[in-house]
Amino acid sequence: MSNKDRNYMRVGTIFEKDGTTYVVREVDTNTCAGCAFFNITSEGKPECKGLSLPCDGDYREDGKNVVYEPLKTNGQC
């Protein structure tokens, strides 16, 4: 089953969005710390900005909490 079929990206998946390359990394807890798409609104509320894929393990088929990080320019994951 592909990432698209699952409606989420597996840990380790590399993808491009708006000219930037990102990698999906597993994290211990769903705090959004380190996620490139995490944002605080002007009202002080946390939000996921620019990506509509689940990162909370409670909403992912694999049960893993993830963040989406920019891929380092030297190509290492």
PDB file of N, CA and C in Angstrom:
ATOM      1  N   MET A   1       0.852  -1.176   0.000  1.00  0.00           N
ATOM      2  CA  MET A   1       0.000   0.000   0.000  1.00  0.00           C
ATOM      3  C   MET A   1       0.899   1.242   0.000  1.00  0.00           C
ATOM      4  N   SER A   2       0.613   2.183  -0.837  1.00  0.00           N
ATOM      5  CA  SER A   2       1.438   3.386  -0.954  1.00  0.00           C
ATOM      6  C   SER A   2       1.064   4.416   0.109  1.00  0.00           C
ATOM      7  N   ASN A   3       1.911   5.433   0.254  1.00  0.00           N
ATOM      8  CA  ASN A   3       1.608   6.530   1.180  1.00  0.00           C
ATOM      9  C   ASN A   3       0.274   7.161   0.836  1.00  0.00           C
ATOM     10  N   LYS A   4       0.026   7.366  -0.453  1.00  0.00           N
ATOM     11  CA  LYS A   4      -1.213   8.015  -0.884  1.00  0.00           C
ATOM     12  C   LYS A   4      -2.423   7.173  -0.493  1.00  0.00           C
ATOM     13  N   ASP A   5      -2.342   5.849  -0.644  1.00  0.00           N
ATOM     14  CA  ASP A   5      -3.446   4.971  -0.278  1.00  0.00           C
ATOM     15  C   ASP A   5      -3.751   5.038   1.209  1.00  0.00           C
ATOM     16  N   ARG A   6      -2.746   5.238   2.029  1.00  0.00           N
ATOM     17  CA  ARG A   6      -2.920   5.268   3.485  1.00  0.00           C
ATOM     18  C   ARG A   6      -3.382   6.631   3.985  1.00  0.00           C
ATOM     19  N   ASN A   7      -3.278   7.665   3.173  1.00  0.00           N
ATOM     20  CA  ASN A   7      -3.619   9.033   3.536  1.00  0.00           C
ATOM     21  C   ASN A   7      -2.705   9.567   4.644  1.00  0.00           C
ATOM     22  N   TYR A   8      -1.515   9.004   4.759  1.00  0.00           N
ATOM     23  CA  TYR A   8      -0.470   9.540   5.619  1.00  0.00           C
ATOM     24  C   TYR A   8       0.869   9.050   5.088  1.00  0.00           C
ATOM     25  N   MET A   9       1.942   9.648   5.550  1.00  0.00           N
ATOM     26  CA  MET A   9       3.264   9.252   5.088  1.00  0.00           C
ATOM     27  C   MET A   9       3.970   8.444   6.152  1.00  0.00           C
ATOM     28  N   ARG A  10       4.573   7.352   5.716  1.00  0.00           N
ATOM     29  CA  ARG A  10       5.305   6.481   6.630  1.00  0.00           C
ATOM     30  C   ARG A  10       6.567   7.165   7.149  1.00  0.00           C
ATOM     31  N   VAL A  11       7.010   6.742   8.321  1.00  0.00           N
ATOM     32  CA  VAL A  11       8.251   7.237   8.906  1.00  0.00           C
ATOM     33  C   VAL A  11       9.382   6.991   7.908  1.00  0.00           C
ATOM     34  N   GLY A  12      10.205   8.018   7.693  1.00  0.00           N
ATOM     35  CA  GLY A  12      11.316   7.912   6.759  1.00  0.00           C
ATOM     36  C   GLY A  12      11.002   8.397   5.359  1.00  0.00           C
ATOM     37  N   THR A  13       9.731   8.644   5.074  1.00  0.00           N
ATOM     38  CA  THR A  13       9.349   9.127   3.748  1.00  0.00           C
ATOM     39  C   THR A  13       9.925  10.521   3.514  1.00  0.00           C
ATOM     40  N   ILE A  14      10.476  10.727   2.331  1.00  0.00           N
ATOM     41  CA  ILE A  14      10.994  12.029   1.922  1.00  0.00           C
ATOM     42  C   ILE A  14      10.035  12.594   0.893  1.00  0.00           C
ATOM     43  N   PHE A  15       9.642  13.859   1.062  1.00  0.00           N
ATOM     44  CA  PHE A  15       8.710  14.475   0.130  1.00  0.00           C
ATOM     45  C   PHE A  15       9.068  15.945  -0.067  1.00  0.00           C
ATOM     46  N   GLU A  16       8.566  16.518  -1.145  1.00  0.00           N
ATOM     47  CA  GLU A  16       8.821  17.922  -1.434  1.00  0.00           C
ATOM     48  C   GLU A  16       7.522  18.702  -1.380  1.00  0.00           C
ATOM     49  N   LYS A  17       7.585  19.883  -0.801  1.00  0.00           N
ATOM     50  CA  LYS A  17       6.428  20.778  -0.735  1.00  0.00           C
ATOM     51  C   LYS A  17       6.934  22.200  -0.896  1.00  0.00           C
ATOM     52  N   ASP A  18       6.377  22.899  -1.854  1.00  0.00           N
ATOM     53  CA  ASP A  18       6.731  24.304  -2.105  1.00  0.00           C
ATOM     54  C   ASP A  18       8.242  24.521  -2.234  1.00  0.00           C
ATOM     55  N   GLY A  19       8.923  23.594  -2.900  1.00  0.00           N
ATOM     56  CA  GLY A  19      10.348  23.741  -3.172  1.00  0.00           C
ATOM     57  C   GLY A  19      11.279  23.327  -2.050  1.00  0.00           C
ATOM     58  N   THR A  20      10.744  22.834  -0.945  1.00  0.00           N
ATOM     59  CA  THR A  20      11.559  22.374   0.182  1.00  0.00           C
ATOM     60  C   THR A  20      11.356  20.875   0.348  1.00  0.00           C
ATOM     61  N   THR A  21      12.443  20.160   0.637  1.00  0.00           N
ATOM     62  CA  THR A  21      12.374  18.721   0.844  1.00  0.00           C
ATOM     63  C   THR A  21      12.289  18.429   2.336  1.00  0.00           C
ATOM     64  N   TYR A  22      11.356  17.562   2.703  1.00  0.00           N
ATOM     65  CA  TYR A  22      11.101  17.205   4.099  1.00  0.00           C
ATOM     66  C   TYR A  22      11.232  15.698   4.290  1.00  0.00           C
ATOM     67  N   VAL A  23      11.424  15.291   5.540  1.00  0.00           N
ATOM     68  CA  VAL A  23      11.443  13.877   5.901  1.00  0.00           C
ATOM     69  C   VAL A  23      10.490  13.683   7.088  1.00  0.00           C
ATOM     70  N   VAL A  24       9.820  12.536   7.118  1.00  0.00           N
ATOM     71  CA  VAL A  24       8.910  12.184   8.213  1.00  0.00           C
ATOM     72  C   VAL A  24       9.727  11.473   9.284  1.00  0.00           C
ATOM     73  N   ARG A  25       9.756  12.037  10.495  1.00  0.00           N
ATOM     74  CA  ARG A  25      10.515  11.448  11.608  1.00  0.00           C
ATOM     75  C   ARG A  25       9.576  11.041  12.739  1.00  0.00           C
ATOM     76  N   GLU A  26       9.843   9.868  13.310  1.00  0.00           N
ATOM     77  CA  GLU A  26       9.063   9.403  14.460  1.00  0.00           C
ATOM     78  C   GLU A  26       9.550  10.112  15.719  1.00  0.00           C
ATOM     79  N   VAL A  27       8.601  10.477  16.591  1.00  0.00           N
ATOM     80  CA  VAL A  27       8.908  11.102  17.878  1.00  0.00           C
ATOM     81  C   VAL A  27       8.171  10.358  18.984  1.00  0.00           C
ATOM     82  N   ASP A  28       8.650  10.523  20.225  1.00  0.00           N
ATOM     83  CA  ASP A  28       8.053   9.809  21.358  1.00  0.00           C
ATOM     84  C   ASP A  28       6.655  10.298  21.700  1.00  0.00           C
ATOM     85  N   THR A  29       6.455  11.603  21.675  1.00  0.00           N
ATOM     86  CA  THR A  29       5.159  12.166  22.052  1.00  0.00           C
ATOM     87  C   THR A  29       4.696  13.157  20.998  1.00  0.00           C
ATOM     88  N   ASN A  30       3.428  13.411  20.962  1.00  0.00           N
ATOM     89  CA  ASN A  30       2.861  14.328  19.990  1.00  0.00           C
ATOM     90  C   ASN A  30       2.862  15.748  20.546  1.00  0.00           C
ATOM     91  N   THR A  31       4.037  16.392  20.548  1.00  0.00           N
ATOM     92  CA  THR A  31       4.146  17.755  21.070  1.00  0.00           C
ATOM     93  C   THR A  31       4.309  18.784  19.960  1.00  0.00           C
ATOM     94  N   CYS A  32       4.539  18.347  18.745  1.00  0.00           N
ATOM     95  CA  CYS A  32       4.776  19.221  17.585  1.00  0.00           C
ATOM     96  C   CYS A  32       6.147  19.884  17.631  1.00  0.00           C
ATOM     97  N   ALA A  33       6.925  19.662  18.677  1.00  0.00           N
ATOM     98  CA  ALA A  33       8.258  20.256  18.776  1.00  0.00           C
ATOM     99  C   ALA A  33       9.118  19.756  17.620  1.00  0.00           C
ATOM    100  N   GLY A  34       9.685  20.697  16.882  1.00  0.00           N
ATOM    101  CA  GLY A  34      10.559  20.346  15.775  1.00  0.00           C
ATOM    102  C   GLY A  34       9.858  20.164  14.444  1.00  0.00           C
ATOM    103  N   CYS A  35       8.543  20.262  14.417  1.00  0.00           N
ATOM    104  CA  CYS A  35       7.812  20.091  13.162  1.00  0.00           C
ATOM    105  C   CYS A  35       7.856  21.388  12.350  1.00  0.00           C
ATOM    106  N   ALA A  36       8.195  21.269  11.086  1.00  0.00           N
ATOM    107  CA  ALA A  36       8.301  22.441  10.207  1.00  0.00           C
ATOM    108  C   ALA A  36       6.962  23.121   9.972  1.00  0.00           C
ATOM    109  N   PHE A  37       5.861  22.429  10.208  1.00  0.00           N
ATOM    110  CA  PHE A  37       4.538  22.981   9.911  1.00  0.00           C
ATOM    111  C   PHE A  37       3.797  23.453  11.165  1.00  0.00           C
ATOM    112  N   PHE A  38       4.460  23.391  12.318  1.00  0.00           N
ATOM    113  CA  PHE A  38       3.853  23.840  13.570  1.00  0.00           C
ATOM    114  C   PHE A  38       3.878  25.355  13.636  1.00  0.00           C
ATOM    115  N   ASN A  39       2.785  25.935  14.064  1.00  0.00           N
ATOM    116  CA  ASN A  39       2.644  27.390  14.107  1.00  0.00           C
ATOM    117  C   ASN A  39       1.772  27.767  15.305  1.00  0.00           C
ATOM    118  N   ILE A  40       1.990  28.952  15.844  1.00  0.00           N
ATOM    119  CA  ILE A  40       1.129  29.508  16.886  1.00  0.00           C
ATOM    120  C   ILE A  40       0.356  30.656  16.248  1.00  0.00           C
ATOM    121  N   THR A  41      -0.966  30.609  16.338  1.00  0.00           N
ATOM    122  CA  THR A  41      -1.797  31.662  15.730  1.00  0.00           C
ATOM    123  C   THR A  41      -1.669  32.959  16.511  1.00  0.00           C
ATOM    124  N   SER A  42      -2.205  34.029  15.957  1.00  0.00           N
ATOM    125  CA  SER A  42      -2.162  35.322  16.643  1.00  0.00           C
ATOM    126  C   SER A  42      -2.967  35.292  17.946  1.00  0.00           C
ATOM    127  N   GLU A  43      -3.877  34.307  18.059  1.00  0.00           N
ATOM    128  CA  GLU A  43      -4.653  34.139  19.297  1.00  0.00           C
ATOM    129  C   GLU A  43      -3.928  33.252  20.310  1.00  0.00           C
ATOM    130  N   GLY A  44      -2.720  32.780  19.944  1.00  0.00           N
ATOM    131  CA  GLY A  44      -1.942  31.943  20.853  1.00  0.00           C
ATOM    132  C   GLY A  44      -2.289  30.472  20.801  1.00  0.00           C
ATOM    133  N   LYS A  45      -3.049  30.055  19.782  1.00  0.00           N
ATOM    134  CA  LYS A  45      -3.441  28.649  19.659  1.00  0.00           C
ATOM    135  C   LYS A  45      -2.483  27.914  18.723  1.00  0.00           C
ATOM    136  N   PRO A  46      -2.121  26.673  19.084  1.00  0.00           N
ATOM    137  CA  PRO A  46      -1.257  25.898  18.190  1.00  0.00           C
ATOM    138  C   PRO A  46      -2.041  25.416  16.971  1.00  0.00           C
ATOM    139  N   GLU A  47      -1.359  25.351  15.835  1.00  0.00           N
ATOM    140  CA  GLU A  47      -1.996  24.836  14.627  1.00  0.00           C
ATOM    141  C   GLU A  47      -0.944  24.205  13.721  1.00  0.00           C
ATOM    142  N   CYS A  48      -1.401  23.349  12.830  1.00  0.00           N
ATOM    143  CA  CYS A  48      -0.564  22.778  11.797  1.00  0.00           C
ATOM    144  C   CYS A  48      -0.820  23.595  10.541  1.00  0.00           C
ATOM    145  N   LYS A  49       0.206  24.274  10.051  1.00  0.00           N
ATOM    146  CA  LYS A  49       0.019  25.200   8.931  1.00  0.00           C
ATOM    147  C   LYS A  49       0.694  24.658   7.671  1.00  0.00           C
ATOM    148  N   GLY A  50      -0.104  24.422   6.641  1.00  0.00           N
ATOM    149  CA  GLY A  50       0.448  24.065   5.354  1.00  0.00           C
ATOM    150  C   GLY A  50       0.478  22.590   5.028  1.00  0.00           C
ATOM    151  N   LEU A  51       0.006  21.739   5.931  1.00  0.00           N
ATOM    152  CA  LEU A  51       0.024  20.307   5.673  1.00  0.00           C
ATOM    153  C   LEU A  51      -1.196  19.686   6.328  1.00  0.00           C
ATOM    154  N   SER A  52      -1.897  18.838   5.591  1.00  0.00           N
ATOM    155  CA  SER A  52      -3.111  18.233   6.144  1.00  0.00           C
ATOM    156  C   SER A  52      -2.964  16.727   6.333  1.00  0.00           C
ATOM    157  N   LEU A  53      -1.771  16.290   6.707  1.00  0.00           N
ATOM    158  CA  LEU A  53      -1.538  14.874   6.988  1.00  0.00           C
ATOM    159  C   LEU A  53      -1.455  14.683   8.492  1.00  0.00           C
ATOM    160  N   PRO A  54      -1.992  13.582   9.011  1.00  0.00           N
ATOM    161  CA  PRO A  54      -1.974  13.372  10.463  1.00  0.00           C
ATOM    162  C   PRO A  54      -0.567  13.140  11.002  1.00  0.00           C
ATOM    163  N   CYS A  55      -0.301  13.692  12.172  1.00  0.00           N
ATOM    164  CA  CYS A  55       0.986  13.475  12.844  1.00  0.00           C
ATOM    165  C   CYS A  55       0.795  12.828  14.215  1.00  0.00           C
ATOM    166  N   ASP A  56      -0.409  12.885  14.749  1.00  0.00           N
ATOM    167  CA  ASP A  56      -0.742  12.307  16.048  1.00  0.00           C
ATOM    168  C   ASP A  56      -0.983  10.809  15.872  1.00  0.00           C
ATOM    169  N   GLY A  57      -0.274  10.011  16.641  1.00  0.00           N
ATOM    170  CA  GLY A  57      -0.400   8.557  16.559  1.00  0.00           C
ATOM    171  C   GLY A  57      -1.818   8.055  16.753  1.00  0.00           C
ATOM    172  N   ASP A  58      -2.651   8.817  17.463  1.00  0.00           N
ATOM    173  CA  ASP A  58      -4.044   8.409  17.668  1.00  0.00           C
ATOM    174  C   ASP A  58      -4.842   8.458  16.369  1.00  0.00           C
ATOM    175  N   TYR A  59      -4.345   9.190  15.378  1.00  0.00           N
ATOM    176  CA  TYR A  59      -5.069   9.344  14.113  1.00  0.00           C
ATOM    177  C   TYR A  59      -4.341   8.706  12.930  1.00  0.00           C
ATOM    178  N   ARG A  60      -3.236   8.013  13.203  1.00  0.00           N
ATOM    179  CA  ARG A  60      -2.489   7.330  12.149  1.00  0.00           C
ATOM    180  C   ARG A  60      -2.679   5.826  12.268  1.00  0.00           C
ATOM    181  N   GLU A  61      -2.769   5.147  11.136  1.00  0.00           N
ATOM    182  CA  GLU A  61      -2.931   3.688  11.136  1.00  0.00           C
ATOM    183  C   GLU A  61      -1.781   2.978  11.834  1.00  0.00           C
ATOM    184  N   ASP A  62      -0.558   3.521  11.716  1.00  0.00           N
ATOM    185  CA  ASP A  62       0.601   2.868  12.332  1.00  0.00           C
ATOM    186  C   ASP A  62       0.759   3.206  13.808  1.00  0.00           C
ATOM    187  N   GLY A  63      -0.053   4.147  14.326  1.00  0.00           N
ATOM    188  CA  GLY A  63      -0.010   4.510  15.735  1.00  0.00           C
ATOM    189  C   GLY A  63       1.217   5.301  16.153  1.00  0.00           C
ATOM    190  N   LYS A  64       1.999   5.791  15.188  1.00  0.00           N
ATOM    191  CA  LYS A  64       3.235   6.516  15.504  1.00  0.00           C
ATOM    192  C   LYS A  64       3.008   8.025  15.478  1.00  0.00           C
ATOM    193  N   ASN A  65       3.614   8.716  16.451  1.00  0.00           N
ATOM    194  CA  ASN A  65       3.644  10.177  16.452  1.00  0.00           C
ATOM    195  C   ASN A  65       4.807  10.604  15.560  1.00  0.00           C
ATOM    196  N   VAL A  66       4.580  11.581  14.695  1.00  0.00           N
ATOM    197  CA  VAL A  66       5.635  12.017  13.789  1.00  0.00           C
ATOM    198  C   VAL A  66       5.708  13.541  13.718  1.00  0.00           C
ATOM    199  N   VAL A  67       6.841  14.036  13.233  1.00  0.00           N
ATOM    200  CA  VAL A  67       7.005  15.432  12.849  1.00  0.00           C
ATOM    201  C   VAL A  67       7.558  15.434  11.437  1.00  0.00           C
ATOM    202  N   TYR A  68       7.374  16.544  10.763  1.00  0.00           N
ATOM    203  CA  TYR A  68       7.863  16.710   9.398  1.00  0.00           C
ATOM    204  C   TYR A  68       9.003  17.716   9.460  1.00  0.00           C
ATOM    205  N   GLU A  69      10.231  17.262   9.154  1.00  0.00           N
ATOM    206  CA  GLU A  69      11.406  18.117   9.275  1.00  0.00           C
ATOM    207  C   GLU A  69      12.010  18.404   7.912  1.00  0.00           C
ATOM    208  N   PRO A  70      12.554  19.615   7.731  1.00  0.00           N
ATOM    209  CA  PRO A  70      13.284  19.883   6.487  1.00  0.00           C
ATOM    210  C   PRO A  70      14.478  18.937   6.404  1.00  0.00           C
ATOM    211  N   LEU A  71      14.708  18.406   5.226  1.00  0.00           N
ATOM    212  CA  LEU A  71      15.834  17.496   5.021  1.00  0.00           C
ATOM    213  C   LEU A  71      17.110  18.312   4.954  1.00  0.00           C
ATOM    214  N   LYS A  72      18.130  17.866   5.636  1.00  0.00           N
ATOM    215  CA  LYS A  72      19.418  18.565   5.634  1.00  0.00           C
ATOM    216  C   LYS A  72      19.972  18.600   4.215  1.00  0.00           C
ATOM    217  N   THR A  73      20.684  19.645   3.881  1.00  0.00           N
ATOM    218  CA  THR A  73      21.192  19.822   2.518  1.00  0.00           C
ATOM    219  C   THR A  73      22.238  18.797   2.123  1.00  0.00           C
ATOM    220  N   ASN A  74      22.862  18.127   3.105  1.00  0.00           N
ATOM    221  CA  ASN A  74      23.846  17.119   2.736  1.00  0.00           C
ATOM    222  C   ASN A  74      23.183  15.783   2.398  1.00  0.00           C
ATOM    223  N   GLY A  75      21.836  15.715   2.434  1.00  0.00           N
ATOM    224  CA  GLY A  75      21.112  14.537   1.989  1.00  0.00           C
ATOM    225  C   GLY A  75      20.989  13.418   2.998  1.00  0.00           C
ATOM    226  N   GLN A  76      21.480  13.620   4.213  1.00  0.00           N
ATOM    227  CA  GLN A  76      21.365  12.564   5.219  1.00  0.00           C
ATOM    228  C   GLN A  76      20.013  12.613   5.888  1.00  0.00           C
ATOM    229  N   CYS A  77      19.470  11.437   6.157  1.00  0.00           N
ATOM    230  CA  CYS A  77      18.170  11.345   6.841  1.00  0.00           C
ATOM    231  C   CYS A  77      18.402  11.204   8.309  1.00  0.00           C
TER     232      CYS A  77
END
